[in-house]
Structure formats: structure tokens, C-alpha cells
Amino acid sequence: MTTLTFLGTGGGRFATIYQPRGTGGIYLSDGVRIHIDPGPGAAVNMSRLSLDPAKTQALLVSHCHPDHYTDAEILIEGMARGGFGRKGLVLGSRSVVEGVGVFGPAISDYHKSIAGEVRSVGADDRITIEEMRVDITPTLHSDPTGVGFRFHTSNGVISYVGDSETGPEIIQAHRGSRVVIICLTRPLGSRIAYHMCTEDAADFVERTRPELALLTHFGMKLLHEGPERQARYIQKRSGVKTVAATDLMAVQINRSIQVRAFGSSECGQKQAARTEGRRRF
């Protein structure tokens, strides 16, 4: 079983400042436990789901904006057992790990020193976490060193596009994925630079043709206009099943794909107190 748990589905400046939704990123479990883009609230929502930070094996940060990295240092301390053991992989864009121009670094020298391994990556790199291959993909974003990820899990390829505009290079990098996770910051008719709006995401999904498209990283304007409305538009235009993620939602992937709203991950911890809905694809 491969499980994705959404520790927060908000994104962008004002959604991060006012927290109408959490901004804690995504937790991937597939034999190895990987936390992707742990922004503000990641540690709090892990606690709500009884996810133990000490069991995380890798922390991946796509770029150097605070809605993607703010909780990284405390979660590194979790991986490293409070700093008493050099454990866990920290992997990030050059801006996150080294600092590039006005961006970063996002992680202190102390926190780098207590991790088991720290790696800076760029587009087209390929790494292995435990036995899972991870391809590093390009982005078109205001942090020019930003990256996305393709995870070769036991149940197919899962793509995390990261903050990015769309374009031929981005589309090509994510073709062949069973599940695509899109950072959708802006709603219909509201395109801005360096991010996807709903029309962009519909074109991206139509061209990449995953089995399931998952939407997250909703900006304030999109939250006002309704994530479900954006999902319906993308699904109708692309013909691909599209789900707007909600905070603490879990997606379980094997032969079929099951979405549990307000659920928990399959990492062996206690399930969250209530599950509000289930959908199978």
C-alpha cells in the first residue's frame, strides 16, 4: 500500500499568513516515509494524526519559500531524535540547502550537521531513498532553482509538480505518472506568473493523462471561489478524475485508489478520530 497524507492544502502568501487551511505539505509512505515541503503547521498536523517525526526517513523541500520549508528544521530534529543521532536524509533545491541570490539557505548549519545526509539537487538529477527511485524535475518558478519530484513507488509513479507554471518541459517531465499532485494557487480566470491557475492545470492534466489528479496548495482567492469547482472544471475538460485535497485527507494507492477525507496515513500509527467520507476510483 502506498499512502499520501495531506498535512495542509493551503499555499501562497496570504493563505500561509492567515491559515484558512494548513500548509504542512504531504507525507508519503511506501516502505520509506518521506515528508514533502513541510511548511507552517506540518508538525502540528502530524501530531493530530499520530505521525511520529522520528520515523520520517527523508525530508524533501522543493524550493526556498516559507510555505514549503518553515517546519523543516524542527522535523529534522525529529528525524535526528532531538539531535542525539545523525539520522535521515534532507534533500532540497540549491536555494534551500546552499542559498542562491536572495533565496535561502532555509536550513541552518546546525540542522544540517545533525541530519544523516544533506543533498542539494537540481532538475534531471536522480536519487534513491532506501529502495525508491526519485526523479528530480524542473519547474518554472520565481525561485529559479526550484524542483519537482517523481516517486517510483511500489504502486506506480507519483508526481509532485511543485510550484510552477506549465509548459512543454514541465508536461514532458511528468508524463507516465499514475498520480499527479498539482500545486494549484489560482482559480479560473486569475493567472499569475510562476504558478498554475485552473486553466493551466486542466491543460497540464489533459496532456499528462494520469489516472488521478490531486489538487493542493490553494491560494486565498481560490479558497474563496471553491477548490471543488476548480476540480470539476479540470475533470470535465481533461476527462481525468480530479480531486481537490482537504487537510488531513489520505489517499491509499494499490490496484485501486481510495480517498479518505479527514483520514490518516498507513504508517502504523493510530487512525485519526473521525473519517468524514470515502471515495474509490
Protein backbone atom coordinates (compact mmCIF):
# COMPACT_ATOMS: atom_id res chain seq x y z
CA MET A 1 0.00 0.00 0.00
CA THR A 2 1.21 3.48 -0.91
CA THR A 3 -0.30 6.32 1.12
CA LEU A 4 -0.31 10.07 0.64
CA THR A 5 -1.41 12.21 3.58
CA PHE A 6 -2.08 15.92 3.08
CA LEU A 7 -0.83 17.79 6.15
CA GLY A 8 -2.07 21.08 4.73
CA THR A 9 -3.61 22.16 1.44
CA GLY A 10 -3.14 25.94 1.57
CA GLY A 11 -0.36 27.87 -0.15
CA GLY A 12 0.80 31.28 -1.23
CA ARG A 13 1.47 34.34 0.92
CA PHE A 14 -1.94 35.17 2.33
CA ALA A 15 -3.22 31.62 2.80
CA THR A 16 0.00 30.99 4.73
CA ILE A 17 -0.31 34.15 6.81
CA TYR A 18 -3.97 33.65 7.77
CA GLN A 19 -4.08 29.82 7.75
CA PRO A 20 -7.61 29.17 6.46
CA ARG A 21 -6.06 25.80 5.72
CA GLY A 22 -2.86 24.23 6.94
CA THR A 23 0.37 24.49 4.95
CA GLY A 24 2.18 21.40 6.21
CA GLY A 25 2.92 19.65 2.91
CA ILE A 26 2.50 15.96 2.08
CA TYR A 27 3.58 12.75 3.81
CA LEU A 28 4.35 9.79 1.53
CA SER A 29 4.54 6.27 2.92
CA ASP A 30 5.65 3.34 0.76
CA GLY A 31 8.04 1.30 2.87
CA VAL A 32 10.03 4.52 3.23
CA ARG A 33 8.48 7.57 4.93
CA ILE A 34 9.03 10.87 3.12
CA HIS A 35 7.82 14.34 4.10
CA ILE A 36 7.48 16.76 1.16
CA ASP A 37 7.50 20.55 1.63
CA PRO A 38 6.88 20.88 5.40
CA GLY A 39 5.51 24.41 5.64
CA PRO A 40 3.86 26.02 8.69
CA GLY A 41 1.68 23.59 10.63
CA ALA A 42 3.38 20.40 9.47
CA ALA A 43 4.44 19.32 12.97
CA VAL A 44 1.04 20.20 14.46
CA ASN A 45 -0.91 18.18 11.90
CA MET A 46 1.49 15.26 12.24
CA SER A 47 0.62 15.25 15.93
CA ARG A 48 -3.11 15.33 15.15
CA LEU A 49 -2.66 12.16 13.08
CA SER A 50 -0.22 10.47 15.49
CA LEU A 51 2.52 10.51 12.85
CA ASP A 52 5.87 10.23 14.64
CA PRO A 53 8.50 12.65 13.20
CA ALA A 54 11.23 10.31 14.50
CA LYS A 55 10.06 7.70 11.98
CA THR A 56 10.43 10.01 8.97
CA GLN A 57 13.36 8.90 6.84
CA ALA A 58 13.61 11.73 4.32
CA LEU A 59 12.62 15.38 4.20
CA LEU A 60 12.30 16.92 0.72
CA VAL A 61 11.96 20.67 0.12
CA SER A 62 11.21 21.79 -3.42
CA HIS A 63 12.22 25.45 -3.16
CA CYS A 64 13.00 28.29 -0.80
CA HIS A 65 9.62 29.85 0.01
CA PRO A 66 8.35 29.70 3.62
CA ASP A 67 5.07 27.93 2.82
CA HIS A 68 7.27 24.99 1.77
CA TYR A 69 10.07 24.95 4.36
CA THR A 70 9.16 26.68 7.64
CA ASP A 71 8.79 23.49 9.74
CA ALA A 72 11.80 21.76 8.16
CA GLU A 73 14.25 22.38 10.99
CA ILE A 74 12.05 21.04 13.79
CA LEU A 75 11.25 17.97 11.66
CA ILE A 76 14.97 17.44 11.04
CA GLU A 77 15.35 17.40 14.83
CA GLY A 78 12.60 14.78 14.86
CA MET A 79 14.40 12.58 12.33
CA ALA A 80 17.63 13.04 14.29
CA ARG A 81 15.98 12.10 17.62
CA GLY A 82 16.32 15.59 19.01
CA GLY A 83 19.85 15.94 17.70
CA PHE A 84 21.17 12.87 19.56
CA GLY A 85 21.63 10.80 16.41
CA ARG A 86 22.67 11.67 12.86
CA LYS A 87 19.69 10.22 11.03
CA GLY A 88 17.57 10.98 8.00
CA LEU A 89 18.06 12.44 4.54
CA VAL A 90 17.47 16.15 3.91
CA LEU A 91 17.13 16.92 0.24
CA GLY A 92 16.35 20.29 -1.29
CA SER A 93 16.88 22.67 -4.15
CA ARG A 94 20.15 24.59 -4.23
CA SER A 95 18.40 27.62 -2.73
CA VAL A 96 17.15 25.59 0.24
CA VAL A 97 20.44 23.87 1.03
CA GLU A 98 23.09 26.36 -0.11
CA GLY A 99 21.33 29.65 -0.75
CA VAL A 100 21.16 31.28 -4.17
CA GLY A 101 20.95 35.04 -4.55
CA VAL A 102 18.14 36.37 -2.36
CA PHE A 103 16.81 32.86 -1.67
CA GLY A 104 17.97 30.94 1.38
CA PRO A 105 19.53 28.93 2.69
CA ALA A 106 16.43 27.71 4.53
CA ILE A 107 18.19 25.28 6.86
CA SER A 108 20.79 26.25 9.45
CA ASP A 109 24.27 24.80 9.56
CA TYR A 110 23.39 23.22 12.91
CA HIS A 111 20.40 21.36 11.47
CA LYS A 112 22.45 20.22 8.50
CA SER A 113 25.02 18.87 10.96
CA ILE A 114 22.56 16.62 12.82
CA ALA A 115 20.98 15.05 9.72
CA GLY A 116 22.33 11.77 8.44
CA GLU A 117 22.79 13.18 4.93
CA VAL A 118 22.10 16.52 3.24
CA ARG A 119 21.86 16.80 -0.53
CA SER A 120 21.32 19.68 -2.92
CA VAL A 121 19.59 18.67 -6.16
CA GLY A 122 18.62 20.16 -9.50
CA ALA A 123 16.40 19.25 -12.42
CA ASP A 124 17.24 15.94 -14.12
CA ASP A 125 19.06 14.53 -11.08
CA ARG A 126 18.05 11.05 -9.96
CA ILE A 127 18.39 9.73 -6.43
CA THR A 128 17.43 6.65 -4.41
CA ILE A 129 15.78 6.85 -1.00
CA GLU A 130 16.03 3.41 0.58
CA GLU A 131 14.90 1.40 -2.48
CA MET A 132 12.69 4.07 -4.04
CA ARG A 133 13.90 5.91 -7.12
CA VAL A 134 13.11 9.63 -7.16
CA ASP A 135 13.50 11.74 -10.31
CA ILE A 136 14.09 15.46 -9.83
CA THR A 137 12.01 17.50 -12.27
CA PRO A 138 12.22 21.12 -13.48
CA THR A 139 9.91 23.97 -12.51
CA LEU A 140 9.21 27.44 -13.87
CA HIS A 141 9.05 29.48 -10.69
CA SER A 142 10.34 32.67 -9.07
CA ASP A 143 12.92 30.59 -7.21
CA PRO A 144 14.93 29.61 -10.30
CA THR A 145 16.43 26.56 -8.59
CA GLY A 146 13.05 25.11 -7.59
CA VAL A 147 12.31 21.47 -8.42
CA GLY A 148 9.53 18.88 -8.51
CA PHE A 149 9.69 15.14 -7.80
CA ARG A 150 8.60 11.85 -9.40
CA PHE A 151 8.42 8.97 -6.93
CA HIS A 152 8.69 5.44 -8.33
CA THR A 153 6.57 3.70 -5.69
CA SER A 154 5.55 0.06 -5.43
CA ASN A 155 2.15 1.09 -6.85
CA GLY A 156 3.23 3.27 -9.75
CA VAL A 157 4.76 6.67 -10.30
CA ILE A 158 3.51 9.61 -8.23
CA SER A 159 4.42 13.09 -9.46
CA TYR A 160 4.64 16.20 -7.30
CA VAL A 161 4.90 19.09 -9.73
CA GLY A 162 5.76 21.75 -7.15
CA ASP A 163 5.15 25.47 -7.57
CA SER A 164 5.44 26.11 -11.29
CA GLU A 165 3.93 27.48 -14.42
CA THR A 166 3.13 24.87 -17.01
CA GLY A 167 4.95 24.42 -20.31
CA PRO A 168 6.27 21.70 -22.64
CA GLU A 169 9.25 20.86 -20.44
CA ILE A 170 7.11 20.57 -17.31
CA ILE A 171 4.47 18.45 -19.08
CA GLN A 172 7.07 16.10 -20.55
CA ALA A 173 8.73 15.61 -17.15
CA HIS A 174 5.51 14.23 -15.62
CA ARG A 175 4.09 12.08 -18.40
CA GLY A 176 3.59 8.44 -17.44
CA SER A 177 2.69 9.12 -13.81
CA ARG A 178 -0.22 7.25 -12.29
CA VAL A 179 -1.00 10.08 -9.85
CA VAL A 180 -0.11 13.74 -10.33
CA ILE A 181 -0.15 16.24 -7.45
CA ILE A 182 -0.55 19.82 -8.68
CA CYS A 183 0.08 22.99 -6.68
CA LEU A 184 -2.94 24.98 -7.84
CA THR A 185 -2.61 28.51 -6.48
CA ARG A 186 -5.11 30.49 -8.57
CA PRO A 187 -8.69 29.85 -9.73
CA LEU A 188 -10.33 30.22 -13.15
CA GLY A 189 -9.54 33.47 -14.92
CA SER A 190 -6.82 34.54 -12.45
CA ARG A 191 -3.47 33.57 -13.95
CA ILE A 192 -0.32 34.98 -12.36
CA ALA A 193 3.35 34.37 -13.13
CA TYR A 194 5.20 31.36 -11.73
CA HIS A 195 2.09 29.41 -10.65
CA MET A 196 -0.73 27.39 -12.21
CA CYS A 197 -4.29 28.63 -12.43
CA THR A 198 -7.19 26.27 -13.10
CA GLU A 199 -7.00 26.57 -16.89
CA ASP A 200 -3.27 25.79 -16.79
CA ALA A 201 -3.86 22.76 -14.59
CA ALA A 202 -6.59 21.48 -16.92
CA ASP A 203 -4.20 21.69 -19.88
CA PHE A 204 -1.46 20.01 -17.86
CA VAL A 205 -3.71 17.12 -16.79
CA GLU A 206 -5.12 16.71 -20.29
CA ARG A 207 -1.60 16.38 -21.70
CA THR A 208 -0.08 14.16 -18.98
CA ARG A 209 -3.10 11.81 -18.64
CA PRO A 210 -2.63 10.39 -15.11
CA GLU A 211 -5.13 8.03 -13.55
CA LEU A 212 -5.84 10.62 -10.85
CA ALA A 213 -5.03 14.33 -10.46
CA LEU A 214 -4.81 15.70 -6.91
CA LEU A 215 -5.00 19.45 -6.33
CA THR A 216 -3.41 21.23 -3.36
CA HIS A 217 -1.59 24.48 -2.38
CA PHE A 218 -4.70 26.64 -2.72
CA GLY A 219 -4.28 30.40 -2.54
CA MET A 220 -6.73 32.67 -0.73
CA LYS A 221 -8.65 33.71 -3.87
CA LEU A 222 -9.04 30.09 -4.93
CA LEU A 223 -10.30 29.11 -1.48
CA HIS A 224 -12.94 31.85 -1.69
CA GLU A 225 -14.06 30.64 -5.12
CA GLY A 226 -14.05 26.96 -4.16
CA PRO A 227 -11.48 24.18 -4.78
CA GLU A 228 -14.22 21.70 -5.72
CA ARG A 229 -15.37 23.99 -8.52
CA GLN A 230 -11.83 24.05 -9.92
CA ALA A 231 -11.62 20.25 -9.69
CA ARG A 232 -14.89 19.84 -11.59
CA TYR A 233 -13.66 22.14 -14.36
CA ILE A 234 -10.37 20.25 -14.72
CA GLN A 235 -12.08 16.86 -14.72
CA LYS A 236 -14.65 17.89 -17.32
CA ARG A 237 -12.07 19.41 -19.64
CA SER A 238 -9.42 16.70 -19.27
CA GLY A 239 -11.53 13.59 -18.78
CA VAL A 240 -9.24 12.64 -15.85
CA LYS A 241 -10.57 12.03 -12.34
CA THR A 242 -9.62 15.13 -10.34
CA VAL A 243 -9.87 15.63 -6.57
CA ALA A 244 -9.35 18.83 -4.58
CA ALA A 245 -7.46 17.71 -1.50
CA THR A 246 -8.54 18.69 2.01
CA ASP A 247 -6.45 18.98 5.15
CA LEU A 248 -5.62 15.58 6.68
CA MET A 249 -7.00 13.71 3.67
CA ALA A 250 -5.36 10.37 2.96
CA VAL A 251 -5.04 8.73 -0.46
CA GLN A 252 -4.34 4.99 -0.45
CA ILE A 253 -2.97 3.53 -3.66
CA ASN A 254 -2.74 -0.09 -4.73
CA ARG A 255 -4.75 -1.68 -7.54
CA SER A 256 -7.44 0.89 -6.87
CA ILE A 257 -7.14 4.35 -5.36
CA GLN A 258 -9.10 5.24 -2.22
CA VAL A 259 -9.51 8.77 -0.89
CA ARG A 260 -10.35 9.25 2.79
CA ALA A 261 -11.31 12.77 3.75
CA PHE A 262 -10.03 13.65 7.22
CA GLY A 263 -8.24 10.30 7.40
CA SER A 264 -4.77 9.21 8.45
CA SER A 265 -1.77 7.61 6.80
CA GLU A 266 -0.90 3.91 6.70
CA CYS A 267 2.33 4.30 8.65
CA GLY A 268 1.30 2.07 11.56
CA GLN A 269 0.12 4.91 13.83
CA LYS A 270 -3.39 5.28 15.19
CA GLN A 271 -6.01 6.42 12.71
CA ALA A 272 -7.43 9.92 13.18
CA ALA A 273 -10.51 10.20 15.36
CA ARG A 274 -13.03 10.57 12.56
CA THR A 275 -13.27 9.86 8.86
CA GLU A 276 -15.82 12.04 7.10
CA GLY A 277 -16.01 10.37 3.71
CA ARG A 278 -14.60 7.74 1.35
CA ARG A 279 -14.32 7.55 -2.42
CA ARG A 280 -12.89 4.78 -4.58
CA PHE A 281 -11.61 5.07 -8.16
